[in-house]
Amino acid sequence: DNAKNTVYLQMNSLKPEDTAVYYCAARSLGTSSLYLDDYDY
């Protein structure tokens, strides 16, 4: 929701394997990436 400067992750059907610390990241380029090194913040 860009009006709220917020990104969400809805997680359904959770499994024990989903247990982790979850991190939000921002990339200055607008195209998405799966590589953590591509994220700036």
PDB file of all heavy atoms in Angstrom:
ATOM      1  N   ASP A   1       0.876  -1.159   0.000  1.00  0.00           N
ATOM      2  CA  ASP A   1       0.000   0.000   0.000  1.00  0.00           C
ATOM      3  C   ASP A   1       0.916   1.213   0.000  1.00  0.00           C
ATOM      4  O   ASP A   1       1.415   1.628   1.046  1.00  0.00           O
ATOM      5  CB  ASP A   1      -0.916  -0.010   1.216  1.00  0.00           C
ATOM      6  CG  ASP A   1      -1.931   1.117   1.193  1.00  0.00           C
ATOM      7  OD1 ASP A   1      -1.750   2.091   0.429  1.00  0.00           O
ATOM      8  OD2 ASP A   1      -2.922   1.034   1.941  1.00  0.00           O
ATOM      9  N   ASN A   2       1.159   1.762  -1.176  1.00  0.00           N
ATOM     10  CA  ASN A   2       2.110   2.863  -1.288  1.00  0.00           C
ATOM     11  C   ASN A   2       1.631   4.129  -0.580  1.00  0.00           C
ATOM     12  O   ASN A   2       2.447   4.944  -0.151  1.00  0.00           O
ATOM     13  CB  ASN A   2       2.402   3.157  -2.761  1.00  0.00           C
ATOM     14  CG  ASN A   2       3.275   2.096  -3.395  1.00  0.00           C
ATOM     15  OD1 ASN A   2       3.887   1.283  -2.707  1.00  0.00           O
ATOM     16  ND2 ASN A   2       3.346   2.091  -4.717  1.00  0.00           N
ATOM     17  N   ALA A   3       0.327   4.298  -0.461  1.00  0.00           N
ATOM     18  CA  ALA A   3      -0.202   5.446   0.263  1.00  0.00           C
ATOM     19  C   ALA A   3       0.157   5.391   1.736  1.00  0.00           C
ATOM     20  O   ALA A   3       0.247   6.429   2.397  1.00  0.00           O
ATOM     21  CB  ALA A   3      -1.713   5.537   0.089  1.00  0.00           C
ATOM     22  N   LYS A   4       0.364   4.192   2.262  1.00  0.00           N
ATOM     23  CA  LYS A   4       0.736   4.007   3.658  1.00  0.00           C
ATOM     24  C   LYS A   4       2.207   3.660   3.841  1.00  0.00           C
ATOM     25  O   LYS A   4       2.642   3.399   4.969  1.00  0.00           O
ATOM     26  CB  LYS A   4      -0.121   2.918   4.296  1.00  0.00           C
ATOM     27  CG  LYS A   4      -1.595   3.266   4.391  1.00  0.00           C
ATOM     28  CD  LYS A   4      -2.370   2.171   5.099  1.00  0.00           C
ATOM     29  CE  LYS A   4      -3.824   2.554   5.274  1.00  0.00           C
ATOM     30  NZ  LYS A   4      -4.591   1.495   5.982  1.00  0.00           N
ATOM     31  N   ASN A   5       2.967   3.639   2.756  1.00  0.00           N
ATOM     32  CA  ASN A   5       4.388   3.270   2.805  1.00  0.00           C
ATOM     33  C   ASN A   5       4.589   1.928   3.515  1.00  0.00           C
ATOM     34  O   ASN A   5       5.501   1.772   4.334  1.00  0.00           O
ATOM     35  CB  ASN A   5       5.210   4.352   3.503  1.00  0.00           C
ATOM     36  CG  ASN A   5       5.316   5.621   2.692  1.00  0.00           C
ATOM     37  OD1 ASN A   5       4.910   5.677   1.527  1.00  0.00           O
ATOM     38  ND2 ASN A   5       5.864   6.661   3.301  1.00  0.00           N
ATOM     39  N   THR A   6       3.759   0.972   3.177  1.00  0.00           N
ATOM     40  CA  THR A   6       3.756  -0.302   3.890  1.00  0.00           C
ATOM     41  C   THR A   6       3.673  -1.477   2.925  1.00  0.00           C
ATOM     42  O   THR A   6       2.928  -1.424   1.946  1.00  0.00           O
ATOM     43  CB  THR A   6       2.582  -0.370   4.877  1.00  0.00           C
ATOM     44  OG1 THR A   6       2.683   0.723   5.806  1.00  0.00           O
ATOM     45  CG2 THR A   6       2.604  -1.674   5.660  1.00  0.00           C
ATOM     46  N   VAL A   7       4.433  -2.514   3.222  1.00  0.00           N
ATOM     47  CA  VAL A   7       4.354  -3.774   2.491  1.00  0.00           C
ATOM     48  C   VAL A   7       3.911  -4.851   3.474  1.00  0.00           C
ATOM     49  O   VAL A   7       4.241  -4.798   4.660  1.00  0.00           O
ATOM     50  CB  VAL A   7       5.699  -4.125   1.818  1.00  0.00           C
ATOM     51  CG1 VAL A   7       6.789  -4.364   2.856  1.00  0.00           C
ATOM     52  CG2 VAL A   7       5.545  -5.336   0.911  1.00  0.00           C
ATOM     53  N   TYR A   8       3.156  -5.826   2.975  1.00  0.00           N
ATOM     54  CA  TYR A   8       2.584  -6.862   3.814  1.00  0.00           C
ATOM     55  C   TYR A   8       2.992  -8.245   3.330  1.00  0.00           C
ATOM     56  O   TYR A   8       3.281  -8.451   2.156  1.00  0.00           O
ATOM     57  CB  TYR A   8       1.058  -6.786   3.808  1.00  0.00           C
ATOM     58  CG  TYR A   8       0.504  -5.443   4.193  1.00  0.00           C
ATOM     59  CD1 TYR A   8       0.168  -4.509   3.230  1.00  0.00           C
ATOM     60  CD2 TYR A   8       0.317  -5.108   5.533  1.00  0.00           C
ATOM     61  CE1 TYR A   8      -0.338  -3.273   3.577  1.00  0.00           C
ATOM     62  CE2 TYR A   8      -0.188  -3.874   5.892  1.00  0.00           C
ATOM     63  CZ  TYR A   8      -0.515  -2.958   4.910  1.00  0.00           C
ATOM     64  OH  TYR A   8      -1.018  -1.737   5.266  1.00  0.00           O
ATOM     65  N   LEU A   9       2.984  -9.173   4.243  1.00  0.00           N
ATOM     66  CA  LEU A   9       3.140 -10.581   3.901  1.00  0.00           C
ATOM     67  C   LEU A   9       2.054 -11.354   4.636  1.00  0.00           C
ATOM     68  O   LEU A   9       2.127 -11.531   5.854  1.00  0.00           O
ATOM     69  CB  LEU A   9       4.526 -11.111   4.274  1.00  0.00           C
ATOM     70  CG  LEU A   9       4.812 -12.545   3.828  1.00  0.00           C
ATOM     71  CD1 LEU A   9       4.903 -12.621   2.301  1.00  0.00           C
ATOM     72  CD2 LEU A   9       6.097 -13.067   4.461  1.00  0.00           C
ATOM     73  N   GLN A  10       1.051 -11.791   3.895  1.00  0.00           N
ATOM     74  CA  GLN A  10      -0.002 -12.625   4.450  1.00  0.00           C
ATOM     75  C   GLN A  10       0.447 -14.073   4.377  1.00  0.00           C
ATOM     76  O   GLN A  10       0.730 -14.583   3.287  1.00  0.00           O
ATOM     77  CB  GLN A  10      -1.306 -12.436   3.679  1.00  0.00           C
ATOM     78  CG  GLN A  10      -2.451 -13.310   4.165  1.00  0.00           C
ATOM     79  CD  GLN A  10      -2.920 -12.944   5.548  1.00  0.00           C
ATOM     80  OE1 GLN A  10      -3.129 -11.780   5.846  1.00  0.00           O
ATOM     81  NE2 GLN A  10      -3.069 -13.939   6.412  1.00  0.00           N
ATOM     82  N   MET A  11       0.521 -14.730   5.510  1.00  0.00           N
ATOM     83  CA  MET A  11       1.015 -16.096   5.592  1.00  0.00           C
ATOM     84  C   MET A  11      -0.113 -17.005   6.050  1.00  0.00           C
ATOM     85  O   MET A  11      -0.596 -16.889   7.178  1.00  0.00           O
ATOM     86  CB  MET A  11       2.198 -16.189   6.553  1.00  0.00           C
ATOM     87  CG  MET A  11       3.339 -15.240   6.203  1.00  0.00           C
ATOM     88  SD  MET A  11       4.791 -15.464   7.269  1.00  0.00           S
ATOM     89  CE  MET A  11       4.100 -14.941   8.843  1.00  0.00           C
ATOM     90  N   ASN A  12      -0.530 -17.894   5.174  1.00  0.00           N
ATOM     91  CA  ASN A  12      -1.579 -18.858   5.470  1.00  0.00           C
ATOM     92  C   ASN A  12      -1.014 -20.270   5.449  1.00  0.00           C
ATOM     93  O   ASN A  12       0.070 -20.513   4.921  1.00  0.00           O
ATOM     94  CB  ASN A  12      -2.717 -18.741   4.461  1.00  0.00           C
ATOM     95  CG  ASN A  12      -3.397 -17.396   4.470  1.00  0.00           C
ATOM     96  OD1 ASN A  12      -3.520 -16.765   5.526  1.00  0.00           O
ATOM     97  ND2 ASN A  12      -3.855 -16.949   3.306  1.00  0.00           N
ATOM     98  N   SER A  13      -1.769 -21.195   6.010  1.00  0.00           N
ATOM     99  CA  SER A  13      -1.363 -22.606   6.043  1.00  0.00           C
ATOM    100  C   SER A  13       0.062 -22.761   6.546  1.00  0.00           C
ATOM    101  O   SER A  13       0.886 -23.457   5.952  1.00  0.00           O
ATOM    102  CB  SER A  13      -1.514 -23.227   4.647  1.00  0.00           C
ATOM    103  OG  SER A  13      -2.849 -23.132   4.188  1.00  0.00           O
ATOM    104  N   LEU A  14       0.339 -22.119   7.650  1.00  0.00           N
ATOM    105  CA  LEU A  14       1.699 -22.106   8.185  1.00  0.00           C
ATOM    106  C   LEU A  14       2.169 -23.498   8.577  1.00  0.00           C
ATOM    107  O   LEU A  14       1.385 -24.328   9.047  1.00  0.00           O
ATOM    108  CB  LEU A  14       1.779 -21.174   9.383  1.00  0.00           C
ATOM    109  CG  LEU A  14       1.794 -19.684   9.037  1.00  0.00           C
ATOM    110  CD1 LEU A  14       1.487 -18.849  10.272  1.00  0.00           C
ATOM    111  CD2 LEU A  14       3.151 -19.292   8.457  1.00  0.00           C
ATOM    112  N   LYS A  15       3.449 -23.712   8.394  1.00  0.00           N
ATOM    113  CA  LYS A  15       4.105 -24.961   8.742  1.00  0.00           C
ATOM    114  C   LYS A  15       5.217 -24.690   9.747  1.00  0.00           C
ATOM    115  O   LYS A  15       5.760 -23.587   9.779  1.00  0.00           O
ATOM    116  CB  LYS A  15       4.713 -25.612   7.495  1.00  0.00           C
ATOM    117  CG  LYS A  15       3.729 -25.862   6.365  1.00  0.00           C
ATOM    118  CD  LYS A  15       4.458 -26.395   5.137  1.00  0.00           C
ATOM    119  CE  LYS A  15       3.501 -26.643   3.994  1.00  0.00           C
ATOM    120  NZ  LYS A  15       4.216 -27.143   2.784  1.00  0.00           N
ATOM    121  N   PRO A  16       5.576 -25.684  10.554  1.00  0.00           N
ATOM    122  CA  PRO A  16       6.712 -25.487  11.465  1.00  0.00           C
ATOM    123  C   PRO A  16       7.983 -25.052  10.740  1.00  0.00           C
ATOM    124  O   PRO A  16       8.791 -24.316  11.314  1.00  0.00           O
ATOM    125  CB  PRO A  16       6.885 -26.865  12.109  1.00  0.00           C
ATOM    126  CG  PRO A  16       5.513 -27.452  12.080  1.00  0.00           C
ATOM    127  CD  PRO A  16       4.909 -26.978  10.783  1.00  0.00           C
ATOM    128  N   GLU A  17       8.152 -25.464   9.492  1.00  0.00           N
ATOM    129  CA  GLU A  17       9.312 -25.088   8.705  1.00  0.00           C
ATOM    130  C   GLU A  17       9.350 -23.598   8.375  1.00  0.00           C
ATOM    131  O   GLU A  17      10.381 -23.093   7.930  1.00  0.00           O
ATOM    132  CB  GLU A  17       9.354 -25.886   7.391  1.00  0.00           C
ATOM    133  CG  GLU A  17       9.366 -27.395   7.582  1.00  0.00           C
ATOM    134  CD  GLU A  17       7.967 -27.972   7.686  1.00  0.00           C
ATOM    135  OE1 GLU A  17       7.329 -28.171   6.636  1.00  0.00           O
ATOM    136  OE2 GLU A  17       7.520 -28.237   8.826  1.00  0.00           O
ATOM    137  N   ASP A  18       8.237 -22.894   8.580  1.00  0.00           N
ATOM    138  CA  ASP A  18       8.195 -21.457   8.361  1.00  0.00           C
ATOM    139  C   ASP A  18       8.768 -20.672   9.531  1.00  0.00           C
ATOM    140  O   ASP A  18       8.906 -19.446   9.440  1.00  0.00           O
ATOM    141  CB  ASP A  18       6.757 -20.990   8.111  1.00  0.00           C
ATOM    142  CG  ASP A  18       6.168 -21.583   6.842  1.00  0.00           C
ATOM    143  OD1 ASP A  18       6.890 -21.655   5.827  1.00  0.00           O
ATOM    144  OD2 ASP A  18       4.985 -21.964   6.868  1.00  0.00           O
ATOM    145  N   THR A  19       9.081 -21.345  10.617  1.00  0.00           N
ATOM    146  CA  THR A  19       9.644 -20.680  11.784  1.00  0.00           C
ATOM    147  C   THR A  19      10.966 -20.018  11.428  1.00  0.00           C
ATOM    148  O   THR A  19      11.889 -20.671  10.933  1.00  0.00           O
ATOM    149  CB  THR A  19       9.846 -21.677  12.927  1.00  0.00           C
ATOM    150  OG1 THR A  19       8.578 -22.178  13.357  1.00  0.00           O
ATOM    151  CG2 THR A  19      10.540 -21.021  14.108  1.00  0.00           C
ATOM    152  N   ALA A  20      11.057 -18.719  11.666  1.00  0.00           N
ATOM    153  CA  ALA A  20      12.246 -17.953  11.309  1.00  0.00           C
ATOM    154  C   ALA A  20      12.061 -16.510  11.746  1.00  0.00           C
ATOM    155  O   ALA A  20      10.965 -16.094  12.132  1.00  0.00           O
ATOM    156  CB  ALA A  20      12.490 -18.000   9.794  1.00  0.00           C
ATOM    157  N   VAL A  21      13.136 -15.751  11.669  1.00  0.00           N
ATOM    158  CA  VAL A  21      13.040 -14.305  11.742  1.00  0.00           C
ATOM    159  C   VAL A  21      12.796 -13.794  10.327  1.00  0.00           C
ATOM    160  O   VAL A  21      13.546 -14.131   9.409  1.00  0.00           O
ATOM    161  CB  VAL A  21      14.312 -13.671  12.332  1.00  0.00           C
ATOM    162  CG1 VAL A  21      14.211 -12.147  12.307  1.00  0.00           C
ATOM    163  CG2 VAL A  21      14.536 -14.161  13.754  1.00  0.00           C
ATOM    164  N   TYR A  22      11.763 -12.999  10.166  1.00  0.00           N
ATOM    165  CA  TYR A  22      11.391 -12.477   8.857  1.00  0.00           C
ATOM    166  C   TYR A  22      11.853 -11.035   8.720  1.00  0.00           C
ATOM    167  O   TYR A  22      11.593 -10.206   9.595  1.00  0.00           O
ATOM    168  CB  TYR A  22       9.877 -12.576   8.651  1.00  0.00           C
ATOM    169  CG  TYR A  22       9.437 -13.976   8.318  1.00  0.00           C
ATOM    170  CD1 TYR A  22       9.456 -14.976   9.281  1.00  0.00           C
ATOM    171  CD2 TYR A  22       9.017 -14.308   7.027  1.00  0.00           C
ATOM    172  CE1 TYR A  22       9.081 -16.274   8.977  1.00  0.00           C
ATOM    173  CE2 TYR A  22       8.633 -15.599   6.713  1.00  0.00           C
ATOM    174  CZ  TYR A  22       8.667 -16.581   7.696  1.00  0.00           C
ATOM    175  OH  TYR A  22       8.280 -17.859   7.380  1.00  0.00           O
ATOM    176  N   TYR A  23      12.517 -10.747   7.608  1.00  0.00           N
ATOM    177  CA  TYR A  23      13.083  -9.436   7.353  1.00  0.00           C
ATOM    178  C   TYR A  23      12.443  -8.790   6.138  1.00  0.00           C
ATOM    179  O   TYR A  23      12.278  -9.433   5.099  1.00  0.00           O
ATOM    180  CB  TYR A  23      14.589  -9.537   7.099  1.00  0.00           C
ATOM    181  CG  TYR A  23      15.385 -10.037   8.275  1.00  0.00           C
ATOM    182  CD1 TYR A  23      15.637 -11.392   8.441  1.00  0.00           C
ATOM    183  CD2 TYR A  23      15.891  -9.151   9.216  1.00  0.00           C
ATOM    184  CE1 TYR A  23      16.373 -11.858   9.518  1.00  0.00           C
ATOM    185  CE2 TYR A  23      16.628  -9.604  10.298  1.00  0.00           C
ATOM    186  CZ  TYR A  23      16.866 -10.959  10.440  1.00  0.00           C
ATOM    187  OH  TYR A  23      17.601 -11.410  11.507  1.00  0.00           O
ATOM    188  N   CYS A  24      12.130  -7.544   6.265  1.00  0.00           N
ATOM    189  CA  CYS A  24      11.672  -6.721   5.160  1.00  0.00           C
ATOM    190  C   CYS A  24      12.873  -6.022   4.532  1.00  0.00           C
ATOM    191  O   CYS A  24      13.794  -5.596   5.243  1.00  0.00           O
ATOM    192  CB  CYS A  24      10.662  -5.695   5.676  1.00  0.00           C
ATOM    193  SG  CYS A  24      10.119  -4.474   4.483  1.00  0.00           S
ATOM    194  N   ALA A  25      12.897  -5.910   3.208  1.00  0.00           N
ATOM    195  CA  ALA A  25      14.005  -5.274   2.510  1.00  0.00           C
ATOM    196  C   ALA A  25      13.489  -4.396   1.386  1.00  0.00           C
ATOM    197  O   ALA A  25      12.458  -4.691   0.775  1.00  0.00           O
ATOM    198  CB  ALA A  25      14.961  -6.333   1.953  1.00  0.00           C
ATOM    199  N   ALA A  26      14.228  -3.330   1.103  1.00  0.00           N
ATOM    200  CA  ALA A  26      13.874  -2.388   0.049  1.00  0.00           C
ATOM    201  C   ALA A  26      14.998  -2.290  -0.969  1.00  0.00           C
ATOM    202  O   ALA A  26      16.173  -2.241  -0.603  1.00  0.00           O
ATOM    203  CB  ALA A  26      13.577  -1.010   0.628  1.00  0.00           C
ATOM    204  N   ARG A  27      14.625  -2.249  -2.228  1.00  0.00           N
ATOM    205  CA  ARG A  27      15.572  -2.106  -3.329  1.00  0.00           C
ATOM    206  C   ARG A  27      15.298  -0.790  -4.029  1.00  0.00           C
ATOM    207  O   ARG A  27      14.161  -0.527  -4.422  1.00  0.00           O
ATOM    208  CB  ARG A  27      15.427  -3.274  -4.303  1.00  0.00           C
ATOM    209  CG  ARG A  27      16.500  -3.332  -5.363  1.00  0.00           C
ATOM    210  CD  ARG A  27      16.207  -4.411  -6.377  1.00  0.00           C
ATOM    211  NE  ARG A  27      17.303  -4.570  -7.325  1.00  0.00           N
ATOM    212  CZ  ARG A  27      17.184  -5.035  -8.561  1.00  0.00           C
ATOM    213  NH1 ARG A  27      15.994  -5.404  -9.008  1.00  0.00           N
ATOM    214  NH2 ARG A  27      18.243  -5.140  -9.339  1.00  0.00           N
ATOM    215  N   SER A  28      16.333   0.024  -4.208  1.00  0.00           N
ATOM    216  CA  SER A  28      16.145   1.346  -4.794  1.00  0.00           C
ATOM    217  C   SER A  28      15.659   1.278  -6.235  1.00  0.00           C
ATOM    218  O   SER A  28      14.972   2.186  -6.699  1.00  0.00           O
ATOM    219  CB  SER A  28      17.433   2.166  -4.704  1.00  0.00           C
ATOM    220  OG  SER A  28      18.500   1.498  -5.350  1.00  0.00           O
ATOM    221  N   LEU A  29      16.011   0.224  -6.954  1.00  0.00           N
ATOM    222  CA  LEU A  29      15.447  -0.011  -8.268  1.00  0.00           C
ATOM    223  C   LEU A  29      14.048  -0.596  -8.111  1.00  0.00           C
ATOM    224  O   LEU A  29      13.778  -1.343  -7.174  1.00  0.00           O
ATOM    225  CB  LEU A  29      16.321  -0.958  -9.084  1.00  0.00           C
ATOM    226  CG  LEU A  29      17.434  -0.327  -9.916  1.00  0.00           C
ATOM    227  CD1 LEU A  29      18.429   0.414  -9.034  1.00  0.00           C
ATOM    228  CD2 LEU A  29      18.150  -1.387 -10.735  1.00  0.00           C
ATOM    229  N   GLY A  30      13.186  -0.265  -9.029  1.00  0.00           N
ATOM    230  CA  GLY A  30      11.798  -0.657  -8.909  1.00  0.00           C
ATOM    231  C   GLY A  30      11.495  -2.095  -9.277  1.00  0.00           C
ATOM    232  O   GLY A  30      10.431  -2.611  -8.931  1.00  0.00           O
ATOM    233  N   THR A  31      12.424  -2.762  -9.957  1.00  0.00           N
ATOM    234  CA  THR A  31      12.215  -4.142 -10.357  1.00  0.00           C
ATOM    235  C   THR A  31      12.532  -5.078  -9.205  1.00  0.00           C
ATOM    236  O   THR A  31      13.494  -4.878  -8.469  1.00  0.00           O
ATOM    237  CB  THR A  31      13.078  -4.502 -11.565  1.00  0.00           C
ATOM    238  OG1 THR A  31      14.438  -4.155 -11.305  1.00  0.00           O
ATOM    239  CG2 THR A  31      12.610  -3.749 -12.799  1.00  0.00           C
ATOM    240  N   SER A  32      11.752  -6.111  -9.054  1.00  0.00           N
ATOM    241  CA  SER A  32      11.918  -7.040  -7.947  1.00  0.00           C
ATOM    242  C   SER A  32      13.088  -7.982  -8.190  1.00  0.00           C
ATOM    243  O   SER A  32      13.504  -8.219  -9.322  1.00  0.00           O
ATOM    244  CB  SER A  32      10.637  -7.835  -7.728  1.00  0.00           C
ATOM    245  OG  SER A  32      10.276  -8.550  -8.899  1.00  0.00           O
ATOM    246  N   SER A  33      13.615  -8.530  -7.100  1.00  0.00           N
ATOM    247  CA  SER A  33      14.748  -9.433  -7.167  1.00  0.00           C
ATOM    248  C   SER A  33      14.652 -10.447  -6.040  1.00  0.00           C
ATOM    249  O   SER A  33      14.144 -10.145  -4.957  1.00  0.00           O
ATOM    250  CB  SER A  33      16.068  -8.669  -7.061  1.00  0.00           C
ATOM    251  OG  SER A  33      17.159  -9.560  -6.958  1.00  0.00           O
ATOM    252  N   LEU A  34      15.160 -11.653  -6.299  1.00  0.00           N
ATOM    253  CA  LEU A  34      15.210 -12.685  -5.273  1.00  0.00           C
ATOM    254  C   LEU A  34      16.556 -12.744  -4.572  1.00  0.00           C
ATOM    255  O   LEU A  34      16.732 -13.537  -3.648  1.00  0.00           O
ATOM    256  CB  LEU A  34      14.892 -14.070  -5.873  1.00  0.00           C
ATOM    257  CG  LEU A  34      15.972 -14.785  -6.685  1.00  0.00           C
ATOM    258  CD1 LEU A  34      15.617 -16.258  -6.831  1.00  0.00           C
ATOM    259  CD2 LEU A  34      16.157 -14.152  -8.051  1.00  0.00           C
ATOM    260  N   TYR A  35      17.494 -11.888  -4.980  1.00  0.00           N
ATOM    261  CA  TYR A  35      18.835 -11.905  -4.411  1.00  0.00           C
ATOM    262  C   TYR A  35      18.957 -10.881  -3.294  1.00  0.00           C
ATOM    263  O   TYR A  35      18.717  -9.690  -3.494  1.00  0.00           O
ATOM    264  CB  TYR A  35      19.879 -11.623  -5.489  1.00  0.00           C
ATOM    265  CG  TYR A  35      19.898 -12.653  -6.591  1.00  0.00           C
ATOM    266  CD1 TYR A  35      19.436 -12.348  -7.865  1.00  0.00           C
ATOM    267  CD2 TYR A  35      20.367 -13.943  -6.344  1.00  0.00           C
ATOM    268  CE1 TYR A  35      19.448 -13.297  -8.874  1.00  0.00           C
ATOM    269  CE2 TYR A  35      20.377 -14.896  -7.348  1.00  0.00           C
ATOM    270  CZ  TYR A  35      19.922 -14.565  -8.613  1.00  0.00           C
ATOM    271  OH  TYR A  35      19.935 -15.515  -9.612  1.00  0.00           O
ATOM    272  N   LEU A  36      19.363 -11.328  -2.133  1.00  0.00           N
ATOM    273  CA  LEU A  36      19.449 -10.422  -0.991  1.00  0.00           C
ATOM    274  C   LEU A  36      20.475  -9.322  -1.202  1.00  0.00           C
ATOM    275  O   LEU A  36      20.311  -8.217  -0.677  1.00  0.00           O
ATOM    276  CB  LEU A  36      19.723 -11.200   0.301  1.00  0.00           C
ATOM    277  CG  LEU A  36      21.007 -12.006   0.459  1.00  0.00           C
ATOM    278  CD1 LEU A  36      22.121 -11.136   1.015  1.00  0.00           C
ATOM    279  CD2 LEU A  36      20.758 -13.197   1.373  1.00  0.00           C
ATOM    280  N   ASP A  37      21.510  -9.588  -1.994  1.00  0.00           N
ATOM    281  CA  ASP A  37      22.532  -8.578  -2.252  1.00  0.00           C
ATOM    282  C   ASP A  37      22.007  -7.419  -3.097  1.00  0.00           C
ATOM    283  O   ASP A  37      22.655  -6.374  -3.170  1.00  0.00           O
ATOM    284  CB  ASP A  37      23.740  -9.201  -2.944  1.00  0.00           C
ATOM    285  CG  ASP A  37      24.568 -10.061  -2.025  1.00  0.00           C
ATOM    286  OD1 ASP A  37      24.415  -9.956  -0.798  1.00  0.00           O
ATOM    287  OD2 ASP A  37      25.390 -10.853  -2.532  1.00  0.00           O
ATOM    288  N   ASP A  38      20.880  -7.600  -3.737  1.00  0.00           N
ATOM    289  CA  ASP A  38      20.290  -6.541  -4.548  1.00  0.00           C
ATOM    290  C   ASP A  38      19.518  -5.519  -3.724  1.00  0.00           C
ATOM    291  O   ASP A  38      19.107  -4.485  -4.254  1.00  0.00           O
ATOM    292  CB  ASP A  38      19.360  -7.124  -5.606  1.00  0.00           C
ATOM    293  CG  ASP A  38      20.113  -7.769  -6.756  1.00  0.00           C
ATOM    294  OD1 ASP A  38      21.316  -7.499  -6.924  1.00  0.00           O
ATOM    295  OD2 ASP A  38      19.481  -8.542  -7.505  1.00  0.00           O
ATOM    296  N   TYR A  39      19.311  -5.810  -2.461  1.00  0.00           N
ATOM    297  CA  TYR A  39      18.512  -4.926  -1.613  1.00  0.00           C
ATOM    298  C   TYR A  39      19.402  -3.976  -0.828  1.00  0.00           C
ATOM    299  O   TYR A  39      20.458  -4.357  -0.324  1.00  0.00           O
ATOM    300  CB  TYR A  39      17.607  -5.744  -0.692  1.00  0.00           C
ATOM    301  CG  TYR A  39      16.503  -6.408  -1.466  1.00  0.00           C
ATOM    302  CD1 TYR A  39      16.703  -7.625  -2.105  1.00  0.00           C
ATOM    303  CD2 TYR A  39      15.258  -5.796  -1.595  1.00  0.00           C
ATOM    304  CE1 TYR A  39      15.699  -8.215  -2.852  1.00  0.00           C
ATOM    305  CE2 TYR A  39      14.252  -6.387  -2.333  1.00  0.00           C
ATOM    306  CZ  TYR A  39      14.475  -7.595  -2.961  1.00  0.00           C
ATOM    307  OH  TYR A  39      13.474  -8.178  -3.703  1.00  0.00           O
ATOM    308  N   ASP A  40      18.948  -2.739  -0.726  1.00  0.00           N
ATOM    309  CA  ASP A  40      19.753  -1.664  -0.157  1.00  0.00           C
ATOM    310  C   ASP A  40      19.453  -1.379   1.310  1.00  0.00           C
ATOM    311  O   ASP A  40      20.318  -0.884   2.033  1.00  0.00           O
ATOM    312  CB  ASP A  40      19.534  -0.384  -0.968  1.00  0.00           C
ATOM    313  CG  ASP A  40      19.855  -0.574  -2.433  1.00  0.00           C
ATOM    314  OD1 ASP A  40      21.025  -0.878  -2.741  1.00  0.00           O
ATOM    315  OD2 ASP A  40      18.937  -0.422  -3.277  1.00  0.00           O
ATOM    316  N   TYR A  41      18.243  -1.664   1.745  1.00  0.00           N
ATOM    317  CA  TYR A  41      17.823  -1.341   3.105  1.00  0.00           C
ATOM    318  C   TYR A  41      17.116  -2.531   3.728  1.00  0.00           C
ATOM    319  O   TYR A  41      16.359  -3.242   3.065  1.00  0.00           O
ATOM    320  CB  TYR A  41      16.896  -0.118   3.106  1.00  0.00           C
ATOM    321  CG  TYR A  41      17.486   1.081   2.411  1.00  0.00           C
ATOM    322  CD1 TYR A  41      17.106   1.408   1.118  1.00  0.00           C
ATOM    323  CD2 TYR A  41      18.431   1.875   3.046  1.00  0.00           C
ATOM    324  CE1 TYR A  41      17.654   2.497   0.470  1.00  0.00           C
ATOM    325  CE2 TYR A  41      18.987   2.970   2.402  1.00  0.00           C
ATOM    326  CZ  TYR A  41      18.594   3.270   1.118  1.00  0.00           C
ATOM    327  OH  TYR A  41      19.147   4.356   0.474  1.00  0.00           O
TER     328      TYR A  41
END
